[in-house]
Amino acid sequence: MPDFAQIVVIPFENREFDEGIGNHQMPNYNLLAAQYTLLTQYYTLRHPSLPNYIALMGGNTFGITKDCTKCFVNVPSLTDQIESSGRTWKAYMEDMPSSCLIGNKGNYVQKHDPFIYFDSIRLNTARGQRLVVPLTDLSTDLTSGVLPDFAYIMPNLCNSTHNATSLNPFCSLDTVDDWLRNMVQKLQKGFDATGKPYLIVVTWDEGSSSASCCVLPKSAGGRVATLLISPQAKNGFQDATPYTHYSLLKTIETAWTLPLLGHAADEVNALIMAPWR
């Protein structure tokens, strides 16, 4: 397992594996899948969005079954572990009008922002204001060379594919694909300047089916295409090992020698090992 200097997670919304892979409207996404590592049997936990995001950060859905706005949890999260280890983190939320906003505003929605659901972030005003910020802060951090060790980049409702339709030329899969290309290029330019090992994970909160695997319920959140973009990832490699969101959490924690949270500790949620050089 590489000891990544920096890890970035970019989640998209509501597309099954074959809605992205092989889709002519997403040539850049498919080019990245061909160039780096594609996880072909990656399964999400359930519908709708929020439980998946919470699980990615906390190792459990904590009984959350819907996109609620006040279902806060007083439990440890990945971000607490990252800070305890001496590392840094920040969440960049596109179209968030102000740092650590609670509620919805325009193309920003609370249900796609898991961080404010954790009491240790939401109730610590200074922490939340500093670390859960609008995406516009990303360019400044990259230019200043202060991108954190762990970055979570959430596109808005349009650029995440949540609202993308063929009938809306300003919010289509082509638009999403261009957004991803620009974002990955911007990140890689910054990473290449340091020469340190990095990992960019492109995944999806849920698919459009109820496909399941492993010990997930018979009806789960669908099968999605997850990309591992890194100089340490095998080129043109497809990994058919069954994985879940808990596998991704386990992999981040293992890379940084952090304790495993919740279901990330379950043996059945496989560690992502095969893709690394």
C-alpha atoms as a PDB file:
ATOM      1  CA  MET A   1       0.000   0.000   0.000  1.00  0.00           C
ATOM      2  CA  PRO A   2       1.596   3.311  -1.047  1.00  0.00           C
ATOM      3  CA  ASP A   3       2.079   5.948   1.617  1.00  0.00           C
ATOM      4  CA  PHE A   4       0.334   8.704  -0.306  1.00  0.00           C
ATOM      5  CA  ALA A   5       1.367  12.234   0.512  1.00  0.00           C
ATOM      6  CA  GLN A   6      -2.045  13.477  -0.622  1.00  0.00           C
ATOM      7  CA  ILE A   7      -5.407  11.848  -1.306  1.00  0.00           C
ATOM      8  CA  VAL A   8      -8.324  13.524  -3.097  1.00  0.00           C
ATOM      9  CA  VAL A   9     -11.855  12.091  -3.309  1.00  0.00           C
ATOM     10  CA  ILE A  10     -14.225  13.413  -5.997  1.00  0.00           C
ATOM     11  CA  PRO A  11     -17.737  11.914  -5.830  1.00  0.00           C
ATOM     12  CA  PHE A  12     -20.305  12.148  -8.600  1.00  0.00           C
ATOM     13  CA  GLU A  13     -24.002  11.369  -8.486  1.00  0.00           C
ATOM     14  CA  ASN A  14     -26.449   8.648  -9.429  1.00  0.00           C
ATOM     15  CA  ARG A  15     -24.957   6.831 -12.425  1.00  0.00           C
ATOM     16  CA  GLU A  16     -24.626   3.086 -12.859  1.00  0.00           C
ATOM     17  CA  PHE A  17     -21.346   1.597 -14.129  1.00  0.00           C
ATOM     18  CA  ASP A  18     -22.411   1.409 -17.763  1.00  0.00           C
ATOM     19  CA  GLU A  19     -23.920   4.887 -17.698  1.00  0.00           C
ATOM     20  CA  GLY A  20     -20.390   6.239 -17.394  1.00  0.00           C
ATOM     21  CA  ILE A  21     -18.052   3.640 -18.844  1.00  0.00           C
ATOM     22  CA  GLY A  22     -18.502   3.498 -22.611  1.00  0.00           C
ATOM     23  CA  ASN A  23     -20.625   6.651 -22.697  1.00  0.00           C
ATOM     24  CA  HIS A  24     -19.613   8.782 -25.704  1.00  0.00           C
ATOM     25  CA  GLN A  25     -20.662  11.925 -23.810  1.00  0.00           C
ATOM     26  CA  MET A  26     -17.881  11.348 -21.284  1.00  0.00           C
ATOM     27  CA  PRO A  27     -14.703  10.838 -23.356  1.00  0.00           C
ATOM     28  CA  ASN A  28     -12.352  12.330 -20.770  1.00  0.00           C
ATOM     29  CA  TYR A  29     -13.793  10.166 -17.995  1.00  0.00           C
ATOM     30  CA  ASN A  30     -13.321   7.079 -20.157  1.00  0.00           C
ATOM     31  CA  LEU A  31      -9.807   8.145 -21.112  1.00  0.00           C
ATOM     32  CA  LEU A  32      -8.872   8.349 -17.431  1.00  0.00           C
ATOM     33  CA  ALA A  33     -10.422   4.917 -16.879  1.00  0.00           C
ATOM     34  CA  ALA A  34      -8.270   3.510 -19.692  1.00  0.00           C
ATOM     35  CA  GLN A  35      -5.091   5.269 -18.572  1.00  0.00           C
ATOM     36  CA  TYR A  36      -5.224   4.428 -14.880  1.00  0.00           C
ATOM     37  CA  THR A  37      -7.076   1.858 -12.738  1.00  0.00           C
ATOM     38  CA  LEU A  38     -10.790   1.120 -13.034  1.00  0.00           C
ATOM     39  CA  LEU A  39     -12.600  -0.778 -10.275  1.00  0.00           C
ATOM     40  CA  THR A  40     -15.252  -2.746 -12.159  1.00  0.00           C
ATOM     41  CA  GLN A  41     -17.099  -4.302  -9.192  1.00  0.00           C
ATOM     42  CA  TYR A  42     -17.512  -1.387  -6.813  1.00  0.00           C
ATOM     43  CA  TYR A  43     -20.895  -1.282  -5.050  1.00  0.00           C
ATOM     44  CA  THR A  44     -22.616   1.469  -3.106  1.00  0.00           C
ATOM     45  CA  LEU A  45     -24.576   0.840   0.063  1.00  0.00           C
ATOM     46  CA  ARG A  46     -28.159   1.938  -0.517  1.00  0.00           C
ATOM     47  CA  HIS A  47     -30.358   4.736  -1.792  1.00  0.00           C
ATOM     48  CA  PRO A  48     -30.510   7.726  -1.470  1.00  0.00           C
ATOM     49  CA  SER A  49     -27.323   9.838  -1.358  1.00  0.00           C
ATOM     50  CA  LEU A  50     -26.712  10.865   2.232  1.00  0.00           C
ATOM     51  CA  PRO A  51     -26.222   7.430   3.858  1.00  0.00           C
ATOM     52  CA  ASN A  52     -23.473   6.697   1.329  1.00  0.00           C
ATOM     53  CA  TYR A  53     -21.640   9.946   2.026  1.00  0.00           C
ATOM     54  CA  ILE A  54     -21.915   9.460   5.786  1.00  0.00           C
ATOM     55  CA  ALA A  55     -20.593   5.897   5.491  1.00  0.00           C
ATOM     56  CA  LEU A  56     -17.613   7.040   3.430  1.00  0.00           C
ATOM     57  CA  MET A  57     -16.559   9.343   6.257  1.00  0.00           C
ATOM     58  CA  GLY A  58     -17.737   7.381   9.294  1.00  0.00           C
ATOM     59  CA  GLY A  59     -17.748   3.674   8.458  1.00  0.00           C
ATOM     60  CA  ASN A  60     -21.471   3.328   9.126  1.00  0.00           C
ATOM     61  CA  THR A  61     -24.770   4.827   8.029  1.00  0.00           C
ATOM     62  CA  PHE A  62     -25.744   5.263  11.698  1.00  0.00           C
ATOM     63  CA  GLY A  63     -29.355   4.414  10.921  1.00  0.00           C
ATOM     64  CA  ILE A  64     -29.707   7.209   8.356  1.00  0.00           C
ATOM     65  CA  THR A  65     -31.951   6.024   5.539  1.00  0.00           C
ATOM     66  CA  LYS A  66     -32.941   9.241   3.787  1.00  0.00           C
ATOM     67  CA  ASP A  67     -31.647  12.652   2.747  1.00  0.00           C
ATOM     68  CA  CYS A  68     -32.488  14.241   6.073  1.00  0.00           C
ATOM     69  CA  THR A  69     -31.281  17.675   7.138  1.00  0.00           C
ATOM     70  CA  LYS A  70     -31.175  17.323  10.927  1.00  0.00           C
ATOM     71  CA  CYS A  71     -29.982  13.728  11.381  1.00  0.00           C
ATOM     72  CA  PHE A  72     -26.674  14.741  12.941  1.00  0.00           C
ATOM     73  CA  VAL A  73     -24.350  12.175  14.512  1.00  0.00           C
ATOM     74  CA  ASN A  74     -21.991  12.421  17.469  1.00  0.00           C
ATOM     75  CA  VAL A  75     -19.384   9.881  16.345  1.00  0.00           C
ATOM     76  CA  PRO A  76     -15.760   9.923  15.154  1.00  0.00           C
ATOM     77  CA  SER A  77     -15.061  10.420  11.457  1.00  0.00           C
ATOM     78  CA  LEU A  78     -12.154  10.002   9.076  1.00  0.00           C
ATOM     79  CA  THR A  79     -11.394  13.697   9.445  1.00  0.00           C
ATOM     80  CA  ASP A  80     -10.893  13.319  13.204  1.00  0.00           C
ATOM     81  CA  GLN A  81      -8.426  10.512  12.556  1.00  0.00           C
ATOM     82  CA  ILE A  82      -6.583  12.543   9.949  1.00  0.00           C
ATOM     83  CA  GLU A  83      -6.128  15.469  12.332  1.00  0.00           C
ATOM     84  CA  SER A  84      -5.081  13.182  15.190  1.00  0.00           C
ATOM     85  CA  SER A  85      -2.348  11.734  12.980  1.00  0.00           C
ATOM     86  CA  GLY A  86      -0.912  15.205  12.352  1.00  0.00           C
ATOM     87  CA  ARG A  87      -2.248  15.419   8.798  1.00  0.00           C
ATOM     88  CA  THR A  88      -4.520  18.052   7.312  1.00  0.00           C
ATOM     89  CA  TRP A  89      -7.856  17.935   5.488  1.00  0.00           C
ATOM     90  CA  LYS A  90     -10.373  20.197   3.829  1.00  0.00           C
ATOM     91  CA  ALA A  91     -13.703  19.772   2.040  1.00  0.00           C
ATOM     92  CA  TYR A  92     -14.303  21.945  -1.029  1.00  0.00           C
ATOM     93  CA  MET A  93     -17.991  22.275  -1.904  1.00  0.00           C
ATOM     94  CA  GLU A  94     -18.922  23.796  -5.253  1.00  0.00           C
ATOM     95  CA  ASP A  95     -21.409  26.688  -5.054  1.00  0.00           C
ATOM     96  CA  MET A  96     -21.466  26.655  -1.264  1.00  0.00           C
ATOM     97  CA  PRO A  97     -22.138  30.355  -0.607  1.00  0.00           C
ATOM     98  CA  SER A  98     -20.320  30.457   2.741  1.00  0.00           C
ATOM     99  CA  SER A  99     -18.178  28.094   4.775  1.00  0.00           C
ATOM    100  CA  CYS A 100     -19.883  25.256   6.657  1.00  0.00           C
ATOM    101  CA  LEU A 101     -23.361  26.320   5.544  1.00  0.00           C
ATOM    102  CA  ILE A 102     -26.279  24.352   6.959  1.00  0.00           C
ATOM    103  CA  GLY A 103     -29.155  24.110   4.491  1.00  0.00           C
ATOM    104  CA  ASN A 104     -29.531  24.342   0.711  1.00  0.00           C
ATOM    105  CA  LYS A 105     -28.696  27.255  -1.553  1.00  0.00           C
ATOM    106  CA  GLY A 106     -28.948  27.201  -5.344  1.00  0.00           C
ATOM    107  CA  ASN A 107     -26.863  24.364  -6.795  1.00  0.00           C
ATOM    108  CA  TYR A 108     -25.405  23.493  -3.378  1.00  0.00           C
ATOM    109  CA  VAL A 109     -27.321  20.984  -1.256  1.00  0.00           C
ATOM    110  CA  GLN A 110     -26.640  19.891   2.284  1.00  0.00           C
ATOM    111  CA  LYS A 111     -27.238  16.184   1.592  1.00  0.00           C
ATOM    112  CA  HIS A 112     -24.060  16.052  -0.522  1.00  0.00           C
ATOM    113  CA  ASP A 113     -21.961  17.483   2.311  1.00  0.00           C
ATOM    114  CA  PRO A 114     -21.414  14.760   4.927  1.00  0.00           C
ATOM    115  CA  PHE A 115     -19.037  16.801   7.064  1.00  0.00           C
ATOM    116  CA  ILE A 116     -21.591  19.077   8.673  1.00  0.00           C
ATOM    117  CA  TYR A 117     -23.580  16.040   9.835  1.00  0.00           C
ATOM    118  CA  PHE A 118     -20.777  15.189  12.276  1.00  0.00           C
ATOM    119  CA  ASP A 119     -21.138  17.107  15.552  1.00  0.00           C
ATOM    120  CA  SER A 120     -17.380  17.440  15.958  1.00  0.00           C
ATOM    121  CA  ILE A 121     -17.304  19.615  12.828  1.00  0.00           C
ATOM    122  CA  ARG A 122     -20.673  21.376  12.820  1.00  0.00           C
ATOM    123  CA  LEU A 123     -20.585  22.371  16.496  1.00  0.00           C
ATOM    124  CA  ASN A 124     -17.001  23.597  16.337  1.00  0.00           C
ATOM    125  CA  THR A 125     -17.589  26.843  14.485  1.00  0.00           C
ATOM    126  CA  ALA A 126     -13.942  27.713  13.941  1.00  0.00           C
ATOM    127  CA  ARG A 127     -13.139  24.232  12.651  1.00  0.00           C
ATOM    128  CA  GLY A 128     -16.079  24.132  10.279  1.00  0.00           C
ATOM    129  CA  GLN A 129     -15.474  27.637   8.936  1.00  0.00           C
ATOM    130  CA  ARG A 130     -11.846  26.797   8.256  1.00  0.00           C
ATOM    131  CA  LEU A 131     -12.215  23.326   6.768  1.00  0.00           C
ATOM    132  CA  VAL A 132     -15.601  23.022   4.995  1.00  0.00           C
ATOM    133  CA  VAL A 133     -15.306  25.721   2.381  1.00  0.00           C
ATOM    134  CA  PRO A 134     -16.491  26.831  -1.068  1.00  0.00           C
ATOM    135  CA  LEU A 135     -14.710  25.233  -4.026  1.00  0.00           C
ATOM    136  CA  THR A 136     -13.384  28.640  -5.021  1.00  0.00           C
ATOM    137  CA  ASP A 137     -10.830  28.245  -2.201  1.00  0.00           C
ATOM    138  CA  LEU A 138      -9.193  25.341  -4.047  1.00  0.00           C
ATOM    139  CA  SER A 139      -7.390  27.477  -6.632  1.00  0.00           C
ATOM    140  CA  THR A 140      -5.951  29.673  -3.896  1.00  0.00           C
ATOM    141  CA  ASP A 141      -4.745  26.667  -1.914  1.00  0.00           C
ATOM    142  CA  LEU A 142      -3.166  25.089  -4.984  1.00  0.00           C
ATOM    143  CA  THR A 143      -1.430  28.306  -5.984  1.00  0.00           C
ATOM    144  CA  SER A 144      -0.173  28.817  -2.437  1.00  0.00           C
ATOM    145  CA  GLY A 145       1.004  25.212  -2.163  1.00  0.00           C
ATOM    146  CA  VAL A 146      -1.176  24.519   0.868  1.00  0.00           C
ATOM    147  CA  LEU A 147      -3.529  21.849  -0.480  1.00  0.00           C
ATOM    148  CA  PRO A 148      -4.257  19.583   2.509  1.00  0.00           C
ATOM    149  CA  ASP A 149      -3.193  15.958   2.796  1.00  0.00           C
ATOM    150  CA  PHE A 150      -6.825  14.877   2.324  1.00  0.00           C
ATOM    151  CA  ALA A 151      -9.130  16.869   0.061  1.00  0.00           C
ATOM    152  CA  TYR A 152     -12.781  16.151  -0.659  1.00  0.00           C
ATOM    153  CA  ILE A 153     -14.136  17.929  -3.734  1.00  0.00           C
ATOM    154  CA  MET A 154     -17.894  17.914  -4.236  1.00  0.00           C
ATOM    155  CA  PRO A 155     -19.279  19.232  -7.557  1.00  0.00           C
ATOM    156  CA  ASN A 156     -22.559  21.130  -7.575  1.00  0.00           C
ATOM    157  CA  LEU A 157     -25.895  19.653  -8.670  1.00  0.00           C
ATOM    158  CA  CYS A 158     -25.066  20.210 -12.323  1.00  0.00           C
ATOM    159  CA  ASN A 159     -21.415  19.154 -12.432  1.00  0.00           C
ATOM    160  CA  SER A 160     -21.992  16.067 -10.268  1.00  0.00           C
ATOM    161  CA  THR A 161     -24.413  14.664 -12.946  1.00  0.00           C
ATOM    162  CA  HIS A 162     -27.276  14.897 -10.418  1.00  0.00           C
ATOM    163  CA  ASN A 163     -29.216  17.279 -12.674  1.00  0.00           C
ATOM    164  CA  ALA A 164     -27.478  16.430 -15.946  1.00  0.00           C
ATOM    165  CA  THR A 165     -29.865  15.732 -18.818  1.00  0.00           C
ATOM    166  CA  SER A 166     -29.606  15.699 -22.595  1.00  0.00           C
ATOM    167  CA  LEU A 167     -32.302  18.392 -22.702  1.00  0.00           C
ATOM    168  CA  ASN A 168     -30.179  20.930 -20.837  1.00  0.00           C
ATOM    169  CA  PRO A 169     -27.034  21.903 -22.780  1.00  0.00           C
ATOM    170  CA  PHE A 170     -25.742  23.875 -19.783  1.00  0.00           C
ATOM    171  CA  CYS A 171     -26.031  20.878 -17.443  1.00  0.00           C
ATOM    172  CA  SER A 172     -25.231  17.779 -19.515  1.00  0.00           C
ATOM    173  CA  LEU A 173     -22.835  14.861 -19.271  1.00  0.00           C
ATOM    174  CA  ASP A 174     -20.561  16.741 -21.670  1.00  0.00           C
ATOM    175  CA  THR A 175     -20.452  19.581 -19.161  1.00  0.00           C
ATOM    176  CA  VAL A 176     -19.653  17.168 -16.348  1.00  0.00           C
ATOM    177  CA  ASP A 177     -16.916  15.534 -18.408  1.00  0.00           C
ATOM    178  CA  ASP A 178     -15.257  18.892 -19.119  1.00  0.00           C
ATOM    179  CA  TRP A 179     -15.490  19.796 -15.426  1.00  0.00           C
ATOM    180  CA  LEU A 180     -13.722  16.554 -14.469  1.00  0.00           C
ATOM    181  CA  ARG A 181     -10.990  17.004 -17.074  1.00  0.00           C
ATOM    182  CA  ASN A 182     -10.236  20.516 -15.888  1.00  0.00           C
ATOM    183  CA  MET A 183     -10.257  19.493 -12.236  1.00  0.00           C
ATOM    184  CA  VAL A 184      -7.937  16.502 -12.682  1.00  0.00           C
ATOM    185  CA  GLN A 185      -5.519  18.532 -14.805  1.00  0.00           C
ATOM    186  CA  LYS A 186      -5.454  21.299 -12.195  1.00  0.00           C
ATOM    187  CA  LEU A 187      -4.776  18.829  -9.392  1.00  0.00           C
ATOM    188  CA  GLN A 188      -2.136  16.880 -11.293  1.00  0.00           C
ATOM    189  CA  LYS A 189      -0.281  20.056 -12.201  1.00  0.00           C
ATOM    190  CA  GLY A 190      -0.035  20.884  -8.524  1.00  0.00           C
ATOM    191  CA  PHE A 191       0.951  17.355  -7.513  1.00  0.00           C
ATOM    192  CA  ASP A 192       3.535  16.937 -10.258  1.00  0.00           C
ATOM    193  CA  ALA A 193       5.309  20.052  -9.025  1.00  0.00           C
ATOM    194  CA  THR A 194       5.983  18.345  -5.681  1.00  0.00           C
ATOM    195  CA  GLY A 195       6.881  14.901  -7.042  1.00  0.00           C
ATOM    196  CA  LYS A 196       5.214  13.228  -4.053  1.00  0.00           C
ATOM    197  CA  PRO A 197       2.928  10.179  -4.365  1.00  0.00           C
ATOM    198  CA  TYR A 198      -0.739  11.090  -4.646  1.00  0.00           C
ATOM    199  CA  LEU A 199      -4.108   9.463  -5.264  1.00  0.00           C
ATOM    200  CA  ILE A 200      -7.203  10.964  -6.880  1.00  0.00           C
ATOM    201  CA  VAL A 201     -10.320   8.825  -6.423  1.00  0.00           C
ATOM    202  CA  VAL A 202     -13.257   9.473  -8.742  1.00  0.00           C
ATOM    203  CA  THR A 203     -16.344   7.616  -7.575  1.00  0.00           C
ATOM    204  CA  TRP A 204     -20.151   7.888  -7.322  1.00  0.00           C
ATOM    205  CA  ASP A 205     -22.369   8.100  -4.282  1.00  0.00           C
ATOM    206  CA  GLU A 206     -24.853   5.586  -5.720  1.00  0.00           C
ATOM    207  CA  GLY A 207     -25.912   4.035  -8.980  1.00  0.00           C
ATOM    208  CA  SER A 208     -29.339   3.919 -10.567  1.00  0.00           C
ATOM    209  CA  SER A 209     -30.040   0.256  -9.735  1.00  0.00           C
ATOM    210  CA  SER A 210     -30.238  -1.796  -6.553  1.00  0.00           C
ATOM    211  CA  ALA A 211     -27.285  -4.054  -7.459  1.00  0.00           C
ATOM    212  CA  SER A 212     -25.464  -5.501  -4.446  1.00  0.00           C
ATOM    213  CA  CYS A 213     -22.468  -7.553  -3.418  1.00  0.00           C
ATOM    214  CA  CYS A 214     -20.589  -8.920  -0.451  1.00  0.00           C
ATOM    215  CA  VAL A 215     -22.628  -8.713   2.760  1.00  0.00           C
ATOM    216  CA  LEU A 216     -24.674  -5.734   1.641  1.00  0.00           C
ATOM    217  CA  PRO A 217     -28.437  -6.193   1.683  1.00  0.00           C
ATOM    218  CA  LYS A 218     -29.926  -7.973  -1.325  1.00  0.00           C
ATOM    219  CA  SER A 219     -31.132  -4.569  -2.514  1.00  0.00           C
ATOM    220  CA  ALA A 220     -28.243  -2.090  -2.236  1.00  0.00           C
ATOM    221  CA  GLY A 221     -27.159   1.109  -3.975  1.00  0.00           C
ATOM    222  CA  GLY A 222     -25.973  -0.095  -7.370  1.00  0.00           C
ATOM    223  CA  ARG A 223     -22.676  -0.817  -9.123  1.00  0.00           C
ATOM    224  CA  VAL A 224     -20.574   2.211 -10.039  1.00  0.00           C
ATOM    225  CA  ALA A 225     -17.292   2.867 -11.828  1.00  0.00           C
ATOM    226  CA  THR A 226     -14.541   4.036  -9.508  1.00  0.00           C
ATOM    227  CA  LEU A 227     -11.258   5.388 -10.881  1.00  0.00           C
ATOM    228  CA  LEU A 228      -7.891   5.451  -9.120  1.00  0.00           C
ATOM    229  CA  ILE A 229      -5.709   8.144 -10.680  1.00  0.00           C
ATOM    230  CA  SER A 230      -2.144   8.019  -9.437  1.00  0.00           C
ATOM    231  CA  PRO A 231       1.444   7.492 -10.567  1.00  0.00           C
ATOM    232  CA  GLN A 232       1.345   4.556  -8.134  1.00  0.00           C
ATOM    233  CA  ALA A 233      -1.691   2.979  -9.863  1.00  0.00           C
ATOM    234  CA  LYS A 234      -1.237   0.418 -12.609  1.00  0.00           C
ATOM    235  CA  ASN A 235      -1.810   1.805 -16.082  1.00  0.00           C
ATOM    236  CA  GLY A 236      -4.785   0.447 -18.014  1.00  0.00           C
ATOM    237  CA  PHE A 237      -5.667  -1.936 -15.185  1.00  0.00           C
ATOM    238  CA  GLN A 238      -9.129  -3.235 -14.336  1.00  0.00           C
ATOM    239  CA  ASP A 239      -9.708  -4.685 -10.883  1.00  0.00           C
ATOM    240  CA  ALA A 240     -12.737  -6.986 -10.639  1.00  0.00           C
ATOM    241  CA  THR A 241     -12.521  -7.484  -6.874  1.00  0.00           C
ATOM    242  CA  PRO A 242     -15.871  -6.698  -5.186  1.00  0.00           C
ATOM    243  CA  TYR A 243     -15.533  -3.466  -3.202  1.00  0.00           C
ATOM    244  CA  THR A 244     -17.859  -1.149  -1.287  1.00  0.00           C
ATOM    245  CA  HIS A 245     -17.643   2.399   0.061  1.00  0.00           C
ATOM    246  CA  TYR A 246     -16.291   0.829   3.240  1.00  0.00           C
ATOM    247  CA  SER A 247     -13.431  -0.597   1.172  1.00  0.00           C
ATOM    248  CA  LEU A 248     -12.428   2.896   0.091  1.00  0.00           C
ATOM    249  CA  LEU A 249     -12.510   4.156   3.674  1.00  0.00           C
ATOM    250  CA  LYS A 250     -10.443   1.130   4.762  1.00  0.00           C
ATOM    251  CA  THR A 251      -7.888   1.812   2.019  1.00  0.00           C
ATOM    252  CA  ILE A 252      -7.390   5.457   3.010  1.00  0.00           C
ATOM    253  CA  GLU A 253      -7.065   4.516   6.664  1.00  0.00           C
ATOM    254  CA  THR A 254      -4.639   1.683   5.915  1.00  0.00           C
ATOM    255  CA  ALA A 255      -2.447   3.844   3.677  1.00  0.00           C
ATOM    256  CA  TRP A 256      -2.037   6.285   6.564  1.00  0.00           C
ATOM    257  CA  THR A 257      -1.939   3.677   9.373  1.00  0.00           C
ATOM    258  CA  LEU A 258      -5.161   4.927  10.941  1.00  0.00           C
ATOM    259  CA  PRO A 259      -7.595   2.820  13.006  1.00  0.00           C
ATOM    260  CA  LEU A 260     -10.421   1.293  10.978  1.00  0.00           C
ATOM    261  CA  LEU A 261     -13.789   2.912  11.598  1.00  0.00           C
ATOM    262  CA  GLY A 262     -16.987   0.872  11.761  1.00  0.00           C
ATOM    263  CA  HIS A 263     -17.552  -1.484   8.854  1.00  0.00           C
ATOM    264  CA  ALA A 264     -14.195  -0.596   7.337  1.00  0.00           C
ATOM    265  CA  ALA A 265     -12.862  -3.115   9.856  1.00  0.00           C
ATOM    266  CA  ASP A 266     -15.076  -5.902   8.492  1.00  0.00           C
ATOM    267  CA  GLU A 267     -12.981  -8.468   6.640  1.00  0.00           C
ATOM    268  CA  VAL A 268     -15.627  -8.822   3.937  1.00  0.00           C
ATOM    269  CA  ASN A 269     -15.071  -5.181   2.887  1.00  0.00           C
ATOM    270  CA  ALA A 270     -11.912  -5.819   0.906  1.00  0.00           C
ATOM    271  CA  LEU A 271      -8.868  -3.589   1.073  1.00  0.00           C
ATOM    272  CA  ILE A 272      -8.051  -2.126  -2.347  1.00  0.00           C
ATOM    273  CA  MET A 273      -4.620  -3.687  -2.946  1.00  0.00           C
ATOM    274  CA  ALA A 274      -4.419  -5.078  -6.487  1.00  0.00           C
ATOM    275  CA  PRO A 275      -4.080  -1.750  -8.374  1.00  0.00           C
ATOM    276  CA  TRP A 276      -0.815  -0.579  -6.848  1.00  0.00           C
ATOM    277  CA  ARG A 277       2.516  -0.900  -8.616  1.00  0.00           C
END
